Amino acid sequence: MLKQETMENCEKNVESLKFILQVLGGKWKIPILTKLYDGKKRFKELEREVTGISPKMLIKELKDLEALSILSRTTFNTVPITVEYCLTEEGLTLKPVLDQMMQWSENFKRLTGKQGRQ
């Protein structure tokens, strides 16, 4: 019976980790979130600050994060239209997770001498 419970817990943990990777996975989500922890940003600000991202990819990633309720989008009726993004309360709960990931990364690199892909 104990072995069955262990297997079920393991499967549950794997599913949780898959979900985290779905939310944070890819090249751009973490850099976008990091920029939004500084506060509200307009689309052009994000485009400038997230180095190397195309406008099309930025739009896609922002829509994905909005669909997950991690960020909110506000449109202002100006000429031209101004669009502003900010983290939701749910999005702000990711900050400690990202901080822990950063700490693990720094420790791992220090211990192993590995720097990841350049």
N, C-alpha and C. Protein backbone atom coordinates (compact mmCIF):
# COMPACT_ATOMS: atom_id res chain seq x y z
N MET A 1 0.83 -1.19 0.00
CA MET A 1 0.00 0.00 0.00
C MET A 1 0.87 1.26 0.00
N LEU A 2 1.94 1.25 0.78
CA LEU A 2 2.83 2.41 0.86
C LEU A 2 3.44 2.71 -0.50
N LYS A 3 3.81 1.67 -1.26
CA LYS A 3 4.41 1.85 -2.57
C LYS A 3 3.41 2.54 -3.52
N GLN A 4 2.14 2.17 -3.45
CA GLN A 4 1.10 2.79 -4.29
C GLN A 4 0.96 4.27 -3.96
N GLU A 5 0.95 4.63 -2.67
CA GLU A 5 0.85 6.04 -2.26
C GLU A 5 2.07 6.82 -2.75
N THR A 6 3.25 6.23 -2.67
CA THR A 6 4.47 6.88 -3.14
C THR A 6 4.39 7.14 -4.63
N MET A 7 3.91 6.16 -5.40
CA MET A 7 3.75 6.33 -6.84
C MET A 7 2.77 7.45 -7.15
N GLU A 8 1.66 7.50 -6.44
CA GLU A 8 0.66 8.53 -6.67
C GLU A 8 1.23 9.92 -6.36
N ASN A 9 1.98 10.03 -5.26
CA ASN A 9 2.62 11.31 -4.91
C ASN A 9 3.63 11.72 -5.96
N CYS A 10 4.39 10.76 -6.45
CA CYS A 10 5.39 11.03 -7.47
C CYS A 10 4.72 11.54 -8.75
N GLU A 11 3.64 10.89 -9.16
CA GLU A 11 2.91 11.30 -10.36
C GLU A 11 2.32 12.70 -10.17
N LYS A 12 1.81 12.97 -8.98
CA LYS A 12 1.26 14.30 -8.68
C LYS A 12 2.36 15.35 -8.76
N ASN A 13 3.54 15.03 -8.21
CA ASN A 13 4.66 15.97 -8.27
C ASN A 13 5.10 16.23 -9.70
N VAL A 14 5.15 15.19 -10.51
CA VAL A 14 5.53 15.36 -11.91
C VAL A 14 4.52 16.25 -12.63
N GLU A 15 3.25 16.04 -12.38
CA GLU A 15 2.22 16.87 -13.01
C GLU A 15 2.36 18.34 -12.58
N SER A 16 2.65 18.56 -11.31
CA SER A 16 2.85 19.92 -10.82
C SER A 16 4.05 20.57 -11.50
N LEU A 17 5.13 19.83 -11.64
CA LEU A 17 6.32 20.36 -12.30
C LEU A 17 6.07 20.63 -13.78
N LYS A 18 5.31 19.78 -14.42
CA LYS A 18 4.95 20.02 -15.83
C LYS A 18 4.17 21.32 -15.96
N PHE A 19 3.26 21.56 -15.01
CA PHE A 19 2.47 22.79 -15.05
C PHE A 19 3.36 24.01 -14.88
N ILE A 20 4.32 23.93 -13.96
CA ILE A 20 5.25 25.05 -13.76
C ILE A 20 6.00 25.33 -15.05
N LEU A 21 6.47 24.28 -15.71
CA LEU A 21 7.19 24.47 -16.97
C LEU A 21 6.28 25.03 -18.06
N GLN A 22 5.02 24.66 -18.04
CA GLN A 22 4.06 25.22 -19.00
C GLN A 22 3.91 26.72 -18.77
N VAL A 23 3.83 27.12 -17.51
CA VAL A 23 3.64 28.53 -17.17
C VAL A 23 4.92 29.34 -17.43
N LEU A 24 6.06 28.82 -17.00
CA LEU A 24 7.31 29.59 -17.07
C LEU A 24 8.23 29.18 -18.21
N GLY A 25 7.87 28.12 -18.93
CA GLY A 25 8.74 27.58 -19.95
C GLY A 25 8.96 28.51 -21.13
N GLY A 26 9.98 28.21 -21.87
CA GLY A 26 10.32 29.01 -23.04
C GLY A 26 11.38 30.04 -22.71
N LYS A 27 11.81 30.69 -23.73
CA LYS A 27 12.93 31.62 -23.62
C LYS A 27 12.54 32.97 -23.03
N TRP A 28 11.28 33.38 -23.16
CA TRP A 28 10.93 34.77 -22.90
C TRP A 28 10.10 35.05 -21.67
N LYS A 29 9.39 34.07 -21.13
CA LYS A 29 8.47 34.37 -20.02
C LYS A 29 9.18 34.90 -18.78
N ILE A 30 10.27 34.27 -18.40
CA ILE A 30 10.97 34.73 -17.20
C ILE A 30 11.55 36.13 -17.39
N PRO A 31 12.20 36.44 -18.53
CA PRO A 31 12.66 37.83 -18.71
C PRO A 31 11.52 38.85 -18.68
N ILE A 32 10.37 38.50 -19.26
CA ILE A 32 9.23 39.42 -19.23
C ILE A 32 8.75 39.62 -17.80
N LEU A 33 8.59 38.54 -17.05
CA LEU A 33 8.14 38.64 -15.66
C LEU A 33 9.12 39.47 -14.83
N THR A 34 10.40 39.25 -15.05
CA THR A 34 11.42 39.98 -14.31
C THR A 34 11.29 41.48 -14.53
N LYS A 35 11.04 41.88 -15.75
CA LYS A 35 10.88 43.31 -16.05
C LYS A 35 9.60 43.86 -15.40
N LEU A 36 8.56 43.05 -15.33
CA LEU A 36 7.30 43.53 -14.75
C LEU A 36 7.33 43.58 -13.23
N TYR A 37 8.31 42.93 -12.58
CA TYR A 37 8.42 43.05 -11.13
C TYR A 37 8.83 44.46 -10.73
N ASP A 38 9.38 45.22 -11.67
CA ASP A 38 9.74 46.62 -11.40
C ASP A 38 8.51 47.53 -11.41
N GLY A 39 7.39 47.02 -11.91
CA GLY A 39 6.17 47.82 -11.98
C GLY A 39 5.56 47.78 -13.37
N LYS A 40 4.53 48.58 -13.56
CA LYS A 40 3.81 48.61 -14.83
C LYS A 40 4.75 49.00 -15.97
N LYS A 41 4.50 48.40 -17.12
CA LYS A 41 5.30 48.71 -18.30
C LYS A 41 4.38 48.81 -19.51
N ARG A 42 4.72 49.74 -20.38
CA ARG A 42 4.03 49.82 -21.66
C ARG A 42 4.68 48.82 -22.61
N PHE A 43 3.95 48.50 -23.67
CA PHE A 43 4.44 47.50 -24.62
C PHE A 43 5.82 47.87 -25.15
N LYS A 44 5.99 49.09 -25.58
CA LYS A 44 7.27 49.52 -26.16
C LYS A 44 8.40 49.45 -25.13
N GLU A 45 8.10 49.73 -23.87
CA GLU A 45 9.12 49.61 -22.82
C GLU A 45 9.58 48.16 -22.72
N LEU A 46 8.61 47.23 -22.70
CA LEU A 46 8.96 45.82 -22.62
C LEU A 46 9.76 45.39 -23.85
N GLU A 47 9.35 45.87 -25.00
CA GLU A 47 10.04 45.51 -26.23
C GLU A 47 11.51 45.96 -26.19
N ARG A 48 11.74 47.14 -25.63
CA ARG A 48 13.11 47.66 -25.50
C ARG A 48 13.91 46.91 -24.44
N GLU A 49 13.27 46.61 -23.32
CA GLU A 49 13.97 46.06 -22.16
C GLU A 49 14.21 44.55 -22.25
N VAL A 50 13.36 43.82 -22.95
CA VAL A 50 13.55 42.38 -23.12
C VAL A 50 14.37 42.21 -24.41
N THR A 51 15.65 42.22 -24.25
CA THR A 51 16.57 42.25 -25.38
C THR A 51 16.42 41.02 -26.27
N GLY A 52 16.25 41.28 -27.57
CA GLY A 52 16.23 40.21 -28.55
C GLY A 52 14.86 39.68 -28.92
N ILE A 53 13.82 40.08 -28.21
CA ILE A 53 12.49 39.56 -28.51
C ILE A 53 11.86 40.36 -29.65
N SER A 54 11.17 39.66 -30.54
CA SER A 54 10.46 40.34 -31.63
C SER A 54 9.11 40.82 -31.11
N PRO A 55 8.55 41.85 -31.74
CA PRO A 55 7.22 42.31 -31.31
C PRO A 55 6.16 41.20 -31.37
N LYS A 56 6.23 40.37 -32.41
CA LYS A 56 5.26 39.28 -32.55
C LYS A 56 5.37 38.28 -31.40
N MET A 57 6.58 37.93 -31.03
CA MET A 57 6.80 36.98 -29.93
C MET A 57 6.39 37.61 -28.59
N LEU A 58 6.69 38.89 -28.41
CA LEU A 58 6.30 39.57 -27.18
C LEU A 58 4.78 39.57 -27.03
N ILE A 59 4.07 39.85 -28.11
CA ILE A 59 2.60 39.82 -28.07
C ILE A 59 2.11 38.44 -27.68
N LYS A 60 2.68 37.40 -28.29
CA LYS A 60 2.26 36.02 -27.99
C LYS A 60 2.49 35.68 -26.52
N GLU A 61 3.68 35.99 -26.02
CA GLU A 61 4.00 35.66 -24.63
C GLU A 61 3.13 36.45 -23.66
N LEU A 62 2.88 37.71 -23.95
CA LEU A 62 2.02 38.52 -23.09
C LEU A 62 0.59 37.97 -23.07
N LYS A 63 0.10 37.54 -24.23
CA LYS A 63 -1.24 36.94 -24.28
C LYS A 63 -1.29 35.64 -23.47
N ASP A 64 -0.23 34.83 -23.58
CA ASP A 64 -0.18 33.58 -22.79
C ASP A 64 -0.22 33.88 -21.30
N LEU A 65 0.58 34.83 -20.86
CA LEU A 65 0.64 35.18 -19.43
C LEU A 65 -0.67 35.81 -18.96
N GLU A 66 -1.31 36.57 -19.84
CA GLU A 66 -2.61 37.15 -19.50
C GLU A 66 -3.67 36.06 -19.37
N ALA A 67 -3.64 35.08 -20.27
CA ALA A 67 -4.61 33.97 -20.23
C ALA A 67 -4.47 33.17 -18.94
N LEU A 68 -3.26 33.12 -18.40
CA LEU A 68 -3.02 32.40 -17.14
C LEU A 68 -3.29 33.27 -15.91
N SER A 69 -3.73 34.50 -16.11
CA SER A 69 -4.00 35.48 -15.04
C SER A 69 -2.74 35.86 -14.27
N ILE A 70 -1.60 35.81 -14.93
CA ILE A 70 -0.35 36.21 -14.30
C ILE A 70 -0.10 37.69 -14.49
N LEU A 71 -0.59 38.23 -15.59
CA LEU A 71 -0.49 39.67 -15.79
C LEU A 71 -1.81 40.19 -16.32
N SER A 72 -1.98 41.49 -16.20
CA SER A 72 -3.19 42.12 -16.74
C SER A 72 -2.78 43.18 -17.75
N ARG A 73 -3.67 43.39 -18.67
CA ARG A 73 -3.45 44.34 -19.77
C ARG A 73 -4.48 45.44 -19.65
N THR A 74 -4.02 46.68 -19.69
CA THR A 74 -4.92 47.82 -19.64
C THR A 74 -4.69 48.65 -20.90
N THR A 75 -5.78 48.98 -21.59
CA THR A 75 -5.71 49.79 -22.80
C THR A 75 -6.26 51.17 -22.49
N PHE A 76 -5.49 52.20 -22.90
CA PHE A 76 -5.91 53.58 -22.70
C PHE A 76 -6.30 54.16 -24.05
N ASN A 77 -7.39 54.89 -24.05
CA ASN A 77 -7.92 55.46 -25.29
C ASN A 77 -7.18 56.74 -25.63
N THR A 78 -5.95 56.58 -26.05
CA THR A 78 -5.12 57.72 -26.46
C THR A 78 -4.79 57.56 -27.94
N VAL A 79 -4.16 58.56 -28.52
CA VAL A 79 -3.72 58.46 -29.91
C VAL A 79 -2.22 58.58 -29.94
N PRO A 80 -1.48 57.54 -30.32
CA PRO A 80 -1.97 56.18 -30.56
C PRO A 80 -2.37 55.51 -29.25
N ILE A 81 -3.07 54.39 -29.38
CA ILE A 81 -3.54 53.65 -28.21
C ILE A 81 -2.35 53.23 -27.35
N THR A 82 -2.48 53.42 -26.05
CA THR A 82 -1.45 53.01 -25.10
C THR A 82 -1.90 51.73 -24.42
N VAL A 83 -1.00 50.76 -24.36
CA VAL A 83 -1.28 49.49 -23.69
C VAL A 83 -0.25 49.32 -22.59
N GLU A 84 -0.75 49.01 -21.40
CA GLU A 84 0.12 48.87 -20.23
C GLU A 84 -0.10 47.49 -19.62
N TYR A 85 0.99 46.89 -19.16
CA TYR A 85 0.94 45.56 -18.55
C TYR A 85 1.44 45.63 -17.12
N CYS A 86 0.81 44.86 -16.25
CA CYS A 86 1.29 44.75 -14.88
C CYS A 86 0.96 43.36 -14.36
N LEU A 87 1.69 42.95 -13.34
CA LEU A 87 1.45 41.65 -12.74
C LEU A 87 0.19 41.68 -11.89
N THR A 88 -0.53 40.59 -11.92
CA THR A 88 -1.70 40.44 -11.04
C THR A 88 -1.20 39.95 -9.68
N GLU A 89 -2.10 39.83 -8.74
CA GLU A 89 -1.72 39.26 -7.43
C GLU A 89 -1.17 37.86 -7.61
N GLU A 90 -1.78 37.08 -8.52
CA GLU A 90 -1.29 35.73 -8.79
C GLU A 90 0.13 35.78 -9.37
N GLY A 91 0.36 36.74 -10.26
CA GLY A 91 1.69 36.88 -10.85
C GLY A 91 2.73 37.26 -9.82
N LEU A 92 2.36 38.08 -8.87
CA LEU A 92 3.30 38.48 -7.82
C LEU A 92 3.71 37.31 -6.94
N THR A 93 2.85 36.27 -6.86
CA THR A 93 3.21 35.11 -6.04
C THR A 93 4.36 34.31 -6.66
N LEU A 94 4.68 34.56 -7.91
CA LEU A 94 5.80 33.87 -8.56
C LEU A 94 7.15 34.44 -8.16
N LYS A 95 7.19 35.65 -7.63
CA LYS A 95 8.47 36.28 -7.31
C LYS A 95 9.34 35.44 -6.39
N PRO A 96 8.83 34.91 -5.27
CA PRO A 96 9.68 34.08 -4.42
C PRO A 96 10.18 32.83 -5.14
N VAL A 97 9.35 32.27 -6.02
CA VAL A 97 9.75 31.08 -6.77
C VAL A 97 10.91 31.43 -7.70
N LEU A 98 10.78 32.55 -8.41
CA LEU A 98 11.86 32.98 -9.31
C LEU A 98 13.12 33.36 -8.54
N ASP A 99 12.95 33.97 -7.39
CA ASP A 99 14.11 34.29 -6.55
C ASP A 99 14.84 33.02 -6.11
N GLN A 100 14.07 32.00 -5.73
CA GLN A 100 14.67 30.71 -5.33
C GLN A 100 15.39 30.06 -6.51
N MET A 101 14.78 30.14 -7.69
CA MET A 101 15.41 29.57 -8.88
C MET A 101 16.73 30.29 -9.19
N MET A 102 16.73 31.61 -9.04
CA MET A 102 17.94 32.37 -9.27
C MET A 102 19.02 31.99 -8.27
N GLN A 103 18.65 31.85 -7.01
CA GLN A 103 19.61 31.46 -5.98
C GLN A 103 20.18 30.08 -6.26
N TRP A 104 19.31 29.13 -6.63
CA TRP A 104 19.78 27.79 -6.96
C TRP A 104 20.76 27.86 -8.13
N SER A 105 20.43 28.65 -9.15
CA SER A 105 21.29 28.78 -10.32
C SER A 105 22.67 29.31 -9.95
N GLU A 106 22.70 30.35 -9.13
CA GLU A 106 23.99 30.93 -8.72
C GLU A 106 24.81 29.91 -7.92
N ASN A 107 24.16 29.20 -7.00
CA ASN A 107 24.86 28.18 -6.21
C ASN A 107 25.37 27.05 -7.10
N PHE A 108 24.55 26.60 -8.01
CA PHE A 108 24.92 25.51 -8.90
C PHE A 108 26.11 25.91 -9.77
N LYS A 109 26.06 27.11 -10.34
CA LYS A 109 27.16 27.57 -11.18
C LYS A 109 28.46 27.68 -10.38
N ARG A 110 28.34 28.17 -9.15
CA ARG A 110 29.52 28.32 -8.29
C ARG A 110 30.12 26.95 -7.94
N LEU A 111 29.25 26.00 -7.61
CA LEU A 111 29.72 24.67 -7.21
C LEU A 111 30.28 23.84 -8.37
N THR A 112 29.69 24.00 -9.52
CA THR A 112 30.07 23.13 -10.65
C THR A 112 30.96 23.83 -11.67
N GLY A 113 30.97 25.14 -11.64
CA GLY A 113 31.72 25.88 -12.67
C GLY A 113 30.98 25.93 -13.99
N LYS A 114 29.78 25.41 -14.04
CA LYS A 114 28.99 25.42 -15.28
C LYS A 114 28.25 26.75 -15.40
N GLN A 115 28.27 27.29 -16.60
CA GLN A 115 27.62 28.58 -16.85
C GLN A 115 26.41 28.47 -17.75
N GLY A 116 26.07 27.28 -18.20
CA GLY A 116 24.93 27.12 -19.11
C GLY A 116 25.31 27.52 -20.51
N ARG A 117 24.30 27.57 -21.37
CA ARG A 117 24.54 27.96 -22.76
C ARG A 117 24.75 29.44 -22.87
N GLN A 118 25.67 29.80 -23.69
CA GLN A 118 25.96 31.22 -23.91
C GLN A 118 25.33 31.73 -25.17
